[in-house]
Amino acid sequence: MDEELNDQRRKEDEKINKIFHEKLKTLKPVKDPANIRFYLPGVHPDKATRIIKIDRDDTVEIVKVRAVKAYKVSPPIIPEFLFKGKLLSDEKVLMDIGIDVEKDYIRVMITVCDISIP
């Protein structure tokens, strides 16, 4: 049973990896830039804050790919973003949340993907 579970997890991880790398390949250069501060709690202060250049029309999903690249983490680790205590949905355009690029930051929550067994 453990071997079957591990095999299932490995396949899911490979699937997530493939999806991430496809998104990374299609990432377009930033044309209308905004520099947004991101904060990842629980890591060394030198590594916690990143300023990531995003396009003003980037969705949260696209910015997640940029964040994974900036924080140098690998799938199956998927970031979630919080702004003023609210979880941001992937479809939302990041700049539409009312962020002040001079003083606000996005909190990054990292989770390791796992599959649930029914």
Protein backbone atom coordinates (compact mmCIF):
# COMPACT_ATOMS: atom_id res chain seq x y z
CA MET A 1 0.00 0.00 0.00
CA ASP A 2 2.83 2.44 0.88
CA GLU A 3 4.55 1.74 -2.43
CA GLU A 4 1.31 2.34 -4.31
CA LEU A 5 0.77 5.60 -2.42
CA ASN A 6 4.35 6.75 -3.12
CA ASP A 7 3.95 5.88 -6.80
CA GLN A 8 0.70 7.85 -6.94
CA ARG A 9 2.36 10.86 -5.26
CA ARG A 10 5.34 10.69 -7.61
CA LYS A 11 3.03 10.71 -10.65
CA GLU A 12 1.10 13.69 -9.28
CA ASP A 13 4.36 15.55 -8.58
CA GLU A 14 5.54 14.87 -12.13
CA LYS A 15 2.24 16.17 -13.50
CA ILE A 16 2.53 19.40 -11.46
CA ASN A 17 6.17 19.77 -12.52
CA LYS A 18 5.21 19.46 -16.19
CA ILE A 19 2.41 22.03 -15.87
CA PHE A 20 4.71 24.48 -14.07
CA HIS A 21 7.49 24.17 -16.64
CA GLU A 22 5.01 24.69 -19.48
CA LYS A 23 3.81 27.89 -17.80
CA LEU A 24 7.41 28.97 -17.22
CA LYS A 25 8.19 28.53 -20.94
CA THR A 26 5.21 30.68 -21.94
CA LEU A 27 6.01 33.48 -19.48
CA LYS A 28 6.24 36.68 -21.49
CA PRO A 29 8.67 39.52 -20.77
CA VAL A 30 7.24 42.31 -18.64
CA LYS A 31 5.97 45.21 -20.79
CA ASP A 32 4.11 47.45 -18.30
CA PRO A 33 6.08 46.78 -15.11
CA ALA A 34 5.13 47.14 -11.51
CA ASN A 35 7.56 46.19 -8.74
CA ILE A 36 5.68 44.37 -6.00
CA ARG A 37 7.10 43.34 -2.63
CA PHE A 38 6.49 39.76 -1.55
CA TYR A 39 7.15 38.38 1.92
CA LEU A 40 7.64 34.70 2.77
CA PRO A 41 7.42 34.18 6.55
CA GLY A 42 9.46 31.54 8.33
CA VAL A 43 12.66 31.85 6.33
CA HIS A 44 15.87 33.79 6.92
CA PRO A 45 15.23 37.56 6.66
CA ASP A 46 17.70 37.83 3.76
CA LYS A 47 15.54 35.42 1.77
CA ALA A 48 12.07 36.40 3.01
CA THR A 49 11.48 39.56 0.98
CA ARG A 50 11.61 39.70 -2.79
CA ILE A 51 10.70 42.51 -5.15
CA ILE A 52 9.22 40.89 -8.22
CA LYS A 53 8.65 42.75 -11.46
CA ILE A 54 5.21 41.90 -12.80
CA ASP A 55 3.07 43.10 -15.68
CA ARG A 56 0.19 45.27 -14.54
CA ASP A 57 -2.24 42.89 -16.25
CA ASP A 58 -0.73 39.65 -14.84
CA THR A 59 -3.18 37.35 -13.13
CA VAL A 60 -2.33 35.87 -9.74
CA GLU A 61 -1.69 32.54 -11.48
CA ILE A 62 1.02 34.09 -13.68
CA VAL A 63 2.54 35.95 -10.73
CA LYS A 64 2.76 32.63 -8.84
CA VAL A 65 5.03 31.34 -11.61
CA ARG A 66 7.15 34.50 -11.33
CA ALA A 67 7.30 34.06 -7.53
CA VAL A 68 8.37 30.41 -7.75
CA LYS A 69 11.17 31.54 -10.06
CA ALA A 70 12.16 34.48 -7.81
CA TYR A 71 12.19 32.42 -4.60
CA LYS A 72 13.96 29.57 -6.41
CA VAL A 73 11.59 26.88 -5.20
CA SER A 74 10.61 23.93 -7.30
CA PRO A 75 7.27 22.35 -7.96
CA PRO A 76 5.39 20.53 -6.46
CA ILE A 77 5.62 23.53 -4.13
CA ILE A 78 2.78 25.89 -4.94
CA PRO A 79 2.56 29.42 -3.50
CA GLU A 80 -0.63 31.02 -2.29
CA PHE A 81 -0.86 34.79 -1.90
CA LEU A 82 -2.50 36.72 0.90
CA PHE A 83 -3.18 40.44 0.78
CA LYS A 84 -4.64 42.16 3.84
CA GLY A 85 -5.61 38.76 5.22
CA LYS A 86 -7.47 37.57 2.13
CA LEU A 87 -6.46 34.66 -0.10
CA LEU A 88 -6.09 35.81 -3.71
CA SER A 89 -7.75 33.69 -6.39
CA ASP A 90 -5.74 32.67 -9.45
CA GLU A 91 -8.08 34.42 -11.91
CA LYS A 92 -7.75 37.87 -10.29
CA VAL A 93 -5.48 40.47 -11.90
CA LEU A 94 -2.97 41.28 -9.17
CA MET A 95 -3.00 45.05 -9.70
CA ASP A 96 -6.81 45.11 -9.37
CA ILE A 97 -6.66 44.32 -5.64
CA GLY A 98 -5.79 47.90 -4.73
CA ILE A 99 -2.16 47.34 -3.78
CA ASP A 100 -0.01 50.40 -3.08
CA VAL A 101 3.33 49.47 -4.66
CA GLU A 102 5.18 51.90 -2.36
CA LYS A 103 4.08 50.44 0.98
CA ASP A 104 2.09 47.21 0.62
CA TYR A 105 3.34 43.67 0.22
CA ILE A 106 1.92 40.28 -0.70
CA ARG A 107 2.34 37.52 1.88
CA VAL A 108 3.47 34.27 0.29
CA MET A 109 2.34 30.98 1.78
CA ILE A 110 4.13 27.90 0.47
CA THR A 111 2.47 24.49 0.51
CA VAL A 112 3.75 21.19 -0.73
CA CYS A 113 1.29 19.52 -3.06
CA ASP A 114 -0.05 16.25 -1.88
CA ILE A 115 -2.81 14.05 -3.10
CA SER A 116 -5.57 12.81 -0.89
CA ILE A 117 -6.45 9.17 -0.84
CA PRO A 118 -10.19 8.48 -0.66
